[in-house]
């Protein structure tokens, strides 16, 4: 499972359990916020806003502190990406069960 969907400064992307995008099988996902271009940062800096962990009954979305409530987060885009990520991971979980 490998996917990525970016809208504005938010990205839903698959990743490994340790939340790095490369180097391991993609078996979970996260929503990251990309920095907006400023004098000190370019568009190559991001940080996790929320991530999914796998449990016995499926994937659970976890917030990183209060980051989803920051003024830089568009709530509509965040929830749209969260719903899409949940749907993808539920399908992935069901496929794992059927194997």
PDB file of N, CA and C in Angstrom:
ATOM      1  N   UNK A   1       0.863  -1.168   0.000  1.00  0.00           N
ATOM      2  CA  UNK A   1       0.000   0.000   0.000  1.00  0.00           C
ATOM      3  C   UNK A   1       0.908   1.229   0.000  1.00  0.00           C
ATOM      4  N   UNK A   2       0.793   2.027  -1.013  1.00  0.00           N
ATOM      5  CA  UNK A   2       1.575   3.256  -1.076  1.00  0.00           C
ATOM      6  C   UNK A   2       0.712   4.315  -1.736  1.00  0.00           C
ATOM      7  N   UNK A   3       0.530   5.456  -1.045  1.00  0.00           N
ATOM      8  CA  UNK A   3      -0.296   6.516  -1.600  1.00  0.00           C
ATOM      9  C   UNK A   3       0.107   7.853  -1.012  1.00  0.00           C
ATOM     10  N   UNK A   4      -0.291   8.903  -1.690  1.00  0.00           N
ATOM     11  CA  UNK A   4      -0.037  10.270  -1.236  1.00  0.00           C
ATOM     12  C   UNK A   4      -1.065  11.178  -1.892  1.00  0.00           C
ATOM     13  N   UNK A   5      -1.635  12.085  -1.107  1.00  0.00           N
ATOM     14  CA  UNK A   5      -2.586  13.057  -1.624  1.00  0.00           C
ATOM     15  C   UNK A   5      -2.356  14.366  -0.880  1.00  0.00           C
ATOM     16  N   UNK A   6      -1.943  15.386  -1.616  1.00  0.00           N
ATOM     17  CA  UNK A   6      -1.650  16.674  -0.995  1.00  0.00           C
ATOM     18  C   UNK A   6      -2.640  17.724  -1.477  1.00  0.00           C
ATOM     19  N   UNK A   7      -3.195  18.461  -0.511  1.00  0.00           N
ATOM     20  CA  UNK A   7      -4.067  19.588  -0.801  1.00  0.00           C
ATOM     21  C   UNK A   7      -3.534  20.771  -0.003  1.00  0.00           C
ATOM     22  N   UNK A   8      -3.177  21.822  -0.693  1.00  0.00           N
ATOM     23  CA  UNK A   8      -2.609  23.024  -0.070  1.00  0.00           C
ATOM     24  C   UNK A   8      -1.374  22.622   0.735  1.00  0.00           C
ATOM     25  N   UNK A   9      -1.354  22.895   2.033  1.00  0.00           N
ATOM     26  CA  UNK A   9      -0.171  22.565   2.838  1.00  0.00           C
ATOM     27  C   UNK A   9      -0.356  21.293   3.672  1.00  0.00           C
ATOM     28  N   UNK A  10      -1.412  20.506   3.397  1.00  0.00           N
ATOM     29  CA  UNK A  10      -1.641  19.247   4.114  1.00  0.00           C
ATOM     30  C   UNK A  10      -1.489  18.070   3.155  1.00  0.00           C
ATOM     31  N   UNK A  11      -0.891  17.002   3.656  1.00  0.00           N
ATOM     32  CA  UNK A  11      -0.711  15.807   2.840  1.00  0.00           C
ATOM     33  C   UNK A  11      -1.086  14.563   3.631  1.00  0.00           C
ATOM     34  N   UNK A  12      -1.882  13.727   3.008  1.00  0.00           N
ATOM     35  CA  UNK A  12      -2.178  12.391   3.511  1.00  0.00           C
ATOM     36  C   UNK A  12      -1.221  11.464   2.782  1.00  0.00           C
ATOM     37  N   UNK A  13      -0.433  10.692   3.528  1.00  0.00           N
ATOM     38  CA  UNK A  13       0.522   9.806   2.871  1.00  0.00           C
ATOM     39  C   UNK A  13       0.706   8.520   3.653  1.00  0.00           C
ATOM     40  N   UNK A  14       0.972   7.481   2.903  1.00  0.00           N
ATOM     41  CA  UNK A  14       1.266   6.195   3.534  1.00  0.00           C
ATOM     42  C   UNK A  14       2.668   6.241   4.104  1.00  0.00           C
ATOM     43  N   UNK A  15       2.911   5.401   5.098  1.00  0.00           N
ATOM     44  CA  UNK A  15       4.223   5.343   5.729  1.00  0.00           C
ATOM     45  C   UNK A  15       4.334   4.042   6.512  1.00  0.00           C
ATOM     46  N   UNK A  16       5.488   3.798   7.076  1.00  0.00           N
ATOM     47  CA  UNK A  16       5.690   2.635   7.919  1.00  0.00           C
ATOM     48  C   UNK A  16       5.282   2.918   9.358  1.00  0.00           C
ATOM     49  N   UNK A  17       5.332   1.888  10.184  1.00  0.00           N
ATOM     50  CA  UNK A  17       4.943   2.036  11.597  1.00  0.00           C
ATOM     51  C   UNK A  17       5.706   3.140  12.308  1.00  0.00           C
ATOM     52  N   UNK A  18       6.980   3.352  11.917  1.00  0.00           N
ATOM     53  CA  UNK A  18       7.766   4.382  12.593  1.00  0.00           C
ATOM     54  C   UNK A  18       7.598   5.756  11.950  1.00  0.00           C
ATOM     55  N   UNK A  19       6.611   5.885  11.052  1.00  0.00           N
ATOM     56  CA  UNK A  19       6.175   7.141  10.443  1.00  0.00           C
ATOM     57  C   UNK A  19       7.191   7.760   9.489  1.00  0.00           C
ATOM     58  N   UNK A  20       8.095   6.971   8.949  1.00  0.00           N
ATOM     59  CA  UNK A  20       8.963   7.475   7.898  1.00  0.00           C
ATOM     60  C   UNK A  20       8.435   6.993   6.563  1.00  0.00           C
ATOM     61  N   UNK A  21       8.516   7.826   5.562  1.00  0.00           N
ATOM     62  CA  UNK A  21       7.923   7.509   4.276  1.00  0.00           C
ATOM     63  C   UNK A  21       8.747   6.482   3.501  1.00  0.00           C
ATOM     64  N   UNK A  22      10.041   6.442   3.671  1.00  0.00           N
ATOM     65  CA  UNK A  22      10.874   5.556   2.856  1.00  0.00           C
ATOM     66  C   UNK A  22      11.589   4.521   3.717  1.00  0.00           C
ATOM     67  N   UNK A  23      11.989   3.445   3.059  1.00  0.00           N
ATOM     68  CA  UNK A  23      12.836   2.462   3.707  1.00  0.00           C
ATOM     69  C   UNK A  23      12.140   1.285   4.361  1.00  0.00           C
ATOM     70  N   UNK A  24      10.827   1.337   4.506  1.00  0.00           N
ATOM     71  CA  UNK A  24      10.091   0.239   5.138  1.00  0.00           C
ATOM     72  C   UNK A  24       8.778   0.036   4.392  1.00  0.00           C
ATOM     73  N   UNK A  25       8.147  -1.113   4.576  1.00  0.00           N
ATOM     74  CA  UNK A  25       6.834  -1.303   3.954  1.00  0.00           C
ATOM     75  C   UNK A  25       5.832  -0.248   4.453  1.00  0.00           C
ATOM     76  N   UNK A  26       4.997   0.225   3.560  1.00  0.00           N
ATOM     77  CA  UNK A  26       3.978   1.203   3.929  1.00  0.00           C
ATOM     78  C   UNK A  26       2.769   0.436   4.458  1.00  0.00           C
ATOM     79  N   UNK A  27       2.558   0.468   5.775  1.00  0.00           N
ATOM     80  CA  UNK A  27       1.477  -0.289   6.393  1.00  0.00           C
ATOM     81  C   UNK A  27       0.576   0.575   7.264  1.00  0.00           C
ATOM     82  N   UNK A  28       0.766   1.873   7.226  1.00  0.00           N
ATOM     83  CA  UNK A  28      -0.097   2.804   7.941  1.00  0.00           C
ATOM     84  C   UNK A  28      -0.049   4.141   7.216  1.00  0.00           C
ATOM     85  N   UNK A  29      -0.540   5.218   7.832  1.00  0.00           N
ATOM     86  CA  UNK A  29      -0.575   6.514   7.152  1.00  0.00           C
ATOM     87  C   UNK A  29      -0.480   7.641   8.162  1.00  0.00           C
ATOM     88  N   UNK A  30      -0.231   8.829   7.643  1.00  0.00           N
ATOM     89  CA  UNK A  30      -0.165  10.033   8.469  1.00  0.00           C
ATOM     90  C   UNK A  30      -0.645  11.219   7.665  1.00  0.00           C
ATOM     91  N   UNK A  31      -1.017  12.265   8.368  1.00  0.00           N
ATOM     92  CA  UNK A  31      -1.314  13.553   7.752  1.00  0.00           C
ATOM     93  C   UNK A  31      -0.230  14.498   8.237  1.00  0.00           C
ATOM     94  N   UNK A  32       0.456  15.120   7.294  1.00  0.00           N
ATOM     95  CA  UNK A  32       1.521  16.052   7.642  1.00  0.00           C
ATOM     96  C   UNK A  32       1.172  17.444   7.152  1.00  0.00           C
ATOM     97  N   UNK A  33       1.720  18.429   7.833  1.00  0.00           N
ATOM     98  CA  UNK A  33       1.584  19.821   7.413  1.00  0.00           C
ATOM     99  C   UNK A  33       2.927  20.263   6.862  1.00  0.00           C
ATOM    100  N   UNK A  34       2.918  20.797   5.645  1.00  0.00           N
ATOM    101  CA  UNK A  34       4.122  21.325   5.032  1.00  0.00           C
ATOM    102  C   UNK A  34       4.257  22.791   5.393  1.00  0.00           C
ATOM    103  N   UNK A  35       5.488  23.218   5.639  1.00  0.00           N
ATOM    104  CA  UNK A  35       5.706  24.627   5.961  1.00  0.00           C
ATOM    105  C   UNK A  35       5.381  25.470   4.742  1.00  0.00           C
ATOM    106  N   UNK A  36       4.834  26.609   4.999  1.00  0.00           N
ATOM    107  CA  UNK A  36       4.600  27.552   3.917  1.00  0.00           C
ATOM    108  C   UNK A  36       5.901  28.324   3.730  1.00  0.00           C
ATOM    109  N   UNK A  37       6.188  28.681   2.512  1.00  0.00           N
ATOM    110  CA  UNK A  37       7.456  29.344   2.230  1.00  0.00           C
ATOM    111  C   UNK A  37       7.566  30.638   3.032  1.00  0.00           C
ATOM    112  N   UNK A  38       8.614  30.712   3.818  1.00  0.00           N
ATOM    113  CA  UNK A  38       8.919  31.910   4.589  1.00  0.00           C
ATOM    114  C   UNK A  38      10.397  32.208   4.413  1.00  0.00           C
ATOM    115  N   UNK A  39      10.869  33.188   5.092  1.00  0.00           N
ATOM    116  CA  UNK A  39      12.284  33.551   5.002  1.00  0.00           C
ATOM    117  C   UNK A  39      13.160  32.442   5.569  1.00  0.00           C
ATOM    118  N   UNK A  40      12.673  31.709   6.570  1.00  0.00           N
ATOM    119  CA  UNK A  40      13.492  30.705   7.241  1.00  0.00           C
ATOM    120  C   UNK A  40      13.265  29.287   6.736  1.00  0.00           C
ATOM    121  N   UNK A  41      12.145  29.015   6.101  1.00  0.00           N
ATOM    122  CA  UNK A  41      11.824  27.665   5.661  1.00  0.00           C
ATOM    123  C   UNK A  41      11.448  27.651   4.193  1.00  0.00           C
ATOM    124  N   UNK A  42      11.732  26.552   3.553  1.00  0.00           N
ATOM    125  CA  UNK A  42      11.211  26.355   2.211  1.00  0.00           C
ATOM    126  C   UNK A  42      10.143  25.271   2.289  1.00  0.00           C
ATOM    127  N   UNK A  43       9.688  24.787   1.157  1.00  0.00           N
ATOM    128  CA  UNK A  43       8.584  23.833   1.122  1.00  0.00           C
ATOM    129  C   UNK A  43       9.050  22.398   1.414  1.00  0.00           C
ATOM    130  N   UNK A  44      10.222  22.206   1.979  1.00  0.00           N
ATOM    131  CA  UNK A  44      10.737  20.866   2.227  1.00  0.00           C
ATOM    132  C   UNK A  44      10.638  20.446   3.691  1.00  0.00           C
ATOM    133  N   UNK A  45      10.015  21.232   4.520  1.00  0.00           N
ATOM    134  CA  UNK A  45       9.862  20.904   5.935  1.00  0.00           C
ATOM    135  C   UNK A  45       8.416  20.538   6.234  1.00  0.00           C
ATOM    136  N   UNK A  46       8.232  19.407   6.918  1.00  0.00           N
ATOM    137  CA  UNK A  46       6.885  19.023   7.311  1.00  0.00           C
ATOM    138  C   UNK A  46       6.925  18.379   8.696  1.00  0.00           C
ATOM    139  N   UNK A  47       5.771  18.275   9.310  1.00  0.00           N
ATOM    140  CA  UNK A  47       5.647  17.645  10.618  1.00  0.00           C
ATOM    141  C   UNK A  47       4.295  16.948  10.683  1.00  0.00           C
ATOM    142  N   UNK A  48       4.251  15.875  11.455  1.00  0.00           N
ATOM    143  CA  UNK A  48       3.021  15.087  11.580  1.00  0.00           C
ATOM    144  C   UNK A  48       1.970  15.876  12.357  1.00  0.00           C
ATOM    145  N   UNK A  49       0.752  15.832  11.847  1.00  0.00           N
ATOM    146  CA  UNK A  49      -0.395  16.441  12.503  1.00  0.00           C
ATOM    147  C   UNK A  49      -1.245  15.348  13.146  1.00  0.00           C
ATOM    148  N   UNK A  50      -1.349  14.221  12.438  1.00  0.00           N
ATOM    149  CA  UNK A  50      -2.115  13.075  12.927  1.00  0.00           C
ATOM    150  C   UNK A  50      -1.586  11.823  12.222  1.00  0.00           C
ATOM    151  N   UNK A  51      -1.815  10.674  12.841  1.00  0.00           N
ATOM    152  CA  UNK A  51      -1.347   9.415  12.256  1.00  0.00           C
ATOM    153  C   UNK A  51      -2.258   8.285  12.700  1.00  0.00           C
ATOM    154  N   UNK A  52      -2.206   7.187  11.968  1.00  0.00           N
ATOM    155  CA  UNK A  52      -3.018   6.019  12.284  1.00  0.00           C
ATOM    156  C   UNK A  52      -2.143   4.927  12.878  1.00  0.00           C
ATOM    157  N   UNK A  53      -2.688   4.237  13.869  1.00  0.00           N
ATOM    158  CA  UNK A  53      -2.024   3.051  14.398  1.00  0.00           C
ATOM    159  C   UNK A  53      -2.976   1.866  14.232  1.00  0.00           C
ATOM    160  N   UNK A  54      -2.390   0.714  13.994  1.00  0.00           N
ATOM    161  CA  UNK A  54      -3.184  -0.487  13.760  1.00  0.00           C
ATOM    162  C   UNK A  54      -3.487  -1.165  15.085  1.00  0.00           C
ATOM    163  N   UNK A  55      -4.757  -1.475  15.287  1.00  0.00           N
ATOM    164  CA  UNK A  55      -5.194  -2.211  16.464  1.00  0.00           C
ATOM    165  C   UNK A  55      -5.855  -3.514  16.055  1.00  0.00           C
ATOM    166  N   UNK A  56      -6.440  -4.195  17.004  1.00  0.00           N
ATOM    167  CA  UNK A  56      -7.088  -5.479  16.724  1.00  0.00           C
ATOM    168  C   UNK A  56      -8.323  -5.336  15.843  1.00  0.00           C
ATOM    169  N   UNK A  57      -8.978  -4.179  15.902  1.00  0.00           N
ATOM    170  CA  UNK A  57     -10.219  -3.990  15.155  1.00  0.00           C
ATOM    171  C   UNK A  57     -10.066  -3.069  13.948  1.00  0.00           C
ATOM    172  N   UNK A  58      -8.860  -2.619  13.673  1.00  0.00           N
ATOM    173  CA  UNK A  58      -8.646  -1.729  12.534  1.00  0.00           C
ATOM    174  C   UNK A  58      -7.651  -0.644  12.896  1.00  0.00           C
ATOM    175  N   UNK A  59      -7.720   0.454  12.169  1.00  0.00           N
ATOM    176  CA  UNK A  59      -6.800   1.576  12.357  1.00  0.00           C
ATOM    177  C   UNK A  59      -7.474   2.702  13.118  1.00  0.00           C
ATOM    178  N   UNK A  60      -6.754   3.287  14.067  1.00  0.00           N
ATOM    179  CA  UNK A  60      -7.262   4.406  14.865  1.00  0.00           C
ATOM    180  C   UNK A  60      -6.448   5.654  14.560  1.00  0.00           C
ATOM    181  N   UNK A  61      -7.134   6.769  14.359  1.00  0.00           N
ATOM    182  CA  UNK A  61      -6.491   8.046  14.089  1.00  0.00           C
ATOM    183  C   UNK A  61      -6.098   8.702  15.415  1.00  0.00           C
ATOM    184  N   UNK A  62      -4.844   9.105  15.507  1.00  0.00           N
ATOM    185  CA  UNK A  62      -4.319   9.760  16.708  1.00  0.00           C
ATOM    186  C   UNK A  62      -3.830  11.152  16.341  1.00  0.00           C
ATOM    187  N   UNK A  63      -4.165  12.134  17.152  1.00  0.00           N
ATOM    188  CA  UNK A  63      -3.678  13.489  16.946  1.00  0.00           C
ATOM    189  C   UNK A  63      -2.319  13.654  17.605  1.00  0.00           C
ATOM    190  N   UNK A  64      -1.490  14.500  17.023  1.00  0.00           N
ATOM    191  CA  UNK A  64      -0.226  14.870  17.646  1.00  0.00           C
ATOM    192  C   UNK A  64      -0.487  16.170  18.398  1.00  0.00           C
ATOM    193  N   UNK A  65      -0.659  16.040  19.708  1.00  0.00           N
ATOM    194  CA  UNK A  65      -0.967  17.206  20.528  1.00  0.00           C
ATOM    195  C   UNK A  65      -2.178  17.954  20.008  1.00  0.00           C
ATOM    196  N   UNK A  66      -2.060  19.265  19.956  1.00  0.00           N
ATOM    197  CA  UNK A  66      -3.150  20.120  19.475  1.00  0.00           C
ATOM    198  C   UNK A  66      -2.914  20.576  18.041  1.00  0.00           C
ATOM    199  N   UNK A  67      -1.982  19.936  17.325  1.00  0.00           N
ATOM    200  CA  UNK A  67      -1.649  20.374  15.967  1.00  0.00           C
ATOM    201  C   UNK A  67      -2.843  20.444  15.022  1.00  0.00           C
ATOM    202  N   UNK A  68      -3.806  19.496  15.065  1.00  0.00           N
ATOM    203  CA  UNK A  68      -4.939  19.622  14.143  1.00  0.00           C
ATOM    204  C   UNK A  68      -5.795  20.871  14.383  1.00  0.00           C
ATOM    205  N   UNK A  69      -5.630  21.497  15.541  1.00  0.00           N
ATOM    206  CA  UNK A  69      -6.426  22.677  15.885  1.00  0.00           C
ATOM    207  C   UNK A  69      -5.668  23.986  15.672  1.00  0.00           C
ATOM    208  N   UNK A  70      -4.467  23.899  15.091  1.00  0.00           N
ATOM    209  CA  UNK A  70      -3.649  25.093  14.857  1.00  0.00           C
ATOM    210  C   UNK A  70      -4.305  25.992  13.815  1.00  0.00           C
ATOM    211  N   UNK A  71      -4.009  27.263  13.886  1.00  0.00           N
ATOM    212  CA  UNK A  71      -4.571  28.232  12.939  1.00  0.00           C
ATOM    213  C   UNK A  71      -4.101  27.990  11.511  1.00  0.00           C
ATOM    214  N   UNK A  72      -2.997  27.291  11.335  1.00  0.00           N
ATOM    215  CA  UNK A  72      -2.463  27.038   9.994  1.00  0.00           C
ATOM    216  C   UNK A  72      -3.140  25.852   9.307  1.00  0.00           C
ATOM    217  N   UNK A  73      -4.006  25.142  10.032  1.00  0.00           N
ATOM    218  CA  UNK A  73      -4.683  23.961   9.499  1.00  0.00           C
ATOM    219  C   UNK A  73      -6.068  24.344   9.001  1.00  0.00           C
ATOM    220  N   UNK A  74      -6.337  24.054   7.736  1.00  0.00           N
ATOM    221  CA  UNK A  74      -7.682  24.223   7.202  1.00  0.00           C
ATOM    222  C   UNK A  74      -8.495  23.012   7.660  1.00  0.00           C
ATOM    223  N   UNK A  75      -9.452  23.228   8.536  1.00  0.00           N
ATOM    224  CA  UNK A  75     -10.216  22.128   9.155  1.00  0.00           C
ATOM    225  C   UNK A  75     -10.968  21.296   8.122  1.00  0.00           C
ATOM    226  N   UNK A  76     -11.494  21.952   7.093  1.00  0.00           N
ATOM    227  CA  UNK A  76     -12.226  21.232   6.053  1.00  0.00           C
ATOM    228  C   UNK A  76     -11.297  20.273   5.307  1.00  0.00           C
ATOM    229  N   UNK A  77     -10.129  20.747   4.926  1.00  0.00           N
ATOM    230  CA  UNK A  77      -9.166  19.900   4.224  1.00  0.00           C
ATOM    231  C   UNK A  77      -8.685  18.782   5.138  1.00  0.00           C
ATOM    232  N   UNK A  78      -8.408  19.103   6.408  1.00  0.00           N
ATOM    233  CA  UNK A  78      -7.938  18.082   7.342  1.00  0.00           C
ATOM    234  C   UNK A  78      -8.942  16.932   7.452  1.00  0.00           C
ATOM    235  N   UNK A  79     -10.223  17.261   7.654  1.00  0.00           N
ATOM    236  CA  UNK A  79     -11.223  16.203   7.811  1.00  0.00           C
ATOM    237  C   UNK A  79     -11.458  15.430   6.514  1.00  0.00           C
ATOM    238  N   UNK A  80     -11.343  16.112   5.380  1.00  0.00           N
ATOM    239  CA  UNK A  80     -11.470  15.427   4.108  1.00  0.00           C
ATOM    240  C   UNK A  80     -10.342  14.388   3.950  1.00  0.00           C
ATOM    241  N   UNK A  81      -9.117  14.777   4.285  1.00  0.00           N
ATOM    242  CA  UNK A  81      -7.992  13.845   4.209  1.00  0.00           C
ATOM    243  C   UNK A  81      -8.112  12.737   5.256  1.00  0.00           C
ATOM    244  N   UNK A  82      -8.590  13.082   6.456  1.00  0.00           N
ATOM    245  CA  UNK A  82      -8.759  12.072   7.507  1.00  0.00           C
ATOM    246  C   UNK A  82      -9.779  11.018   7.096  1.00  0.00           C
ATOM    247  N   UNK A  83     -10.881  11.436   6.507  1.00  0.00           N
ATOM    248  CA  UNK A  83     -11.895  10.482   6.041  1.00  0.00           C
ATOM    249  C   UNK A  83     -11.350   9.597   4.930  1.00  0.00           C
ATOM    250  N   UNK A  84     -10.626  10.196   3.995  1.00  0.00           N
ATOM    251  CA  UNK A  84     -10.042   9.421   2.896  1.00  0.00           C
ATOM    252  C   UNK A  84      -9.034   8.409   3.430  1.00  0.00           C
ATOM    253  N   UNK A  85      -8.186   8.838   4.355  1.00  0.00           N
ATOM    254  CA  UNK A  85      -7.198   7.937   4.944  1.00  0.00           C
ATOM    255  C   UNK A  85      -7.847   6.793   5.699  1.00  0.00           C
ATOM    256  N   UNK A  86      -8.897   7.083   6.447  1.00  0.00           N
ATOM    257  CA  UNK A  86      -9.597   6.041   7.196  1.00  0.00           C
ATOM    258  C   UNK A  86     -10.201   5.008   6.248  1.00  0.00           C
ATOM    259  N   UNK A  87     -10.787   5.490   5.148  1.00  0.00           N
ATOM    260  CA  UNK A  87     -11.390   4.582   4.180  1.00  0.00           C
ATOM    261  C   UNK A  87     -10.329   3.680   3.534  1.00  0.00           C
ATOM    262  N   UNK A  88      -9.199   4.242   3.158  1.00  0.00           N
ATOM    263  CA  UNK A  88      -8.119   3.451   2.554  1.00  0.00           C
ATOM    264  C   UNK A  88      -7.608   2.408   3.539  1.00  0.00           C
ATOM    265  N   UNK A  89      -7.376   2.807   4.779  1.00  0.00           N
ATOM    266  CA  UNK A  89      -6.824   1.886   5.771  1.00  0.00           C
ATOM    267  C   UNK A  89      -7.830   0.801   6.163  1.00  0.00           C
ATOM    268  N   UNK A  90      -9.109   1.132   6.198  1.00  0.00           N
ATOM    269  CA  UNK A  90     -10.116   0.106   6.480  1.00  0.00           C
ATOM    270  C   UNK A  90     -10.124  -0.956   5.385  1.00  0.00           C
ATOM    271  N   UNK A  91     -10.011  -0.525   4.140  1.00  0.00           N
ATOM    272  CA  UNK A  91      -9.948  -1.474   3.030  1.00  0.00           C
ATOM    273  C   UNK A  91      -8.696  -2.339   3.129  1.00  0.00           C
ATOM    274  N   UNK A  92      -7.569  -1.724   3.467  1.00  0.00           N
ATOM    275  CA  UNK A  92      -6.304  -2.449   3.625  1.00  0.00           C
ATOM    276  C   UNK A  92      -6.420  -3.474   4.767  1.00  0.00           C
ATOM    277  N   UNK A  93      -7.048  -3.073   5.869  1.00  0.00           N
ATOM    278  CA  UNK A  93      -7.233  -3.969   7.020  1.00  0.00           C
ATOM    279  C   UNK A  93      -8.090  -5.164   6.632  1.00  0.00           C
ATOM    280  N   UNK A  94      -9.156  -4.922   5.900  1.00  0.00           N
ATOM    281  CA  UNK A  94     -10.034  -6.006   5.450  1.00  0.00           C
ATOM    282  C   UNK A  94      -9.290  -6.968   4.538  1.00  0.00           C
ATOM    283  N   UNK A  95      -8.431  -6.470   3.673  1.00  0.00           N
ATOM    284  CA  UNK A  95      -7.651  -7.327   2.788  1.00  0.00           C
ATOM    285  C   UNK A  95      -6.694  -8.212   3.596  1.00  0.00           C
ATOM    286  N   UNK A  96      -6.110  -7.644   4.653  1.00  0.00           N
ATOM    287  CA  UNK A  96      -5.194  -8.416   5.507  1.00  0.00           C
ATOM    288  C   UNK A  96      -5.943  -9.551   6.213  1.00  0.00           C
ATOM    289  N   UNK A  97      -7.163  -9.292   6.654  1.00  0.00           N
ATOM    290  CA  UNK A  97      -7.967 -10.291   7.340  1.00  0.00           C
ATOM    291  C   UNK A  97      -8.300 -11.444   6.395  1.00  0.00           C
ATOM    292  N   UNK A  98      -8.608 -11.093   5.145  1.00  0.00           N
ATOM    293  CA  UNK A  98      -8.996 -12.116   4.158  1.00  0.00           C
ATOM    294  C   UNK A  98      -7.836 -13.000   3.730  1.00  0.00           C
ATOM    295  N   UNK A  99      -6.607 -12.581   3.957  1.00  0.00           N
ATOM    296  CA  UNK A  99      -5.453 -13.373   3.522  1.00  0.00           C
ATOM    297  C   UNK A  99      -5.213 -14.583   4.382  1.00  0.00           C
TER     298      UNK A  99
END
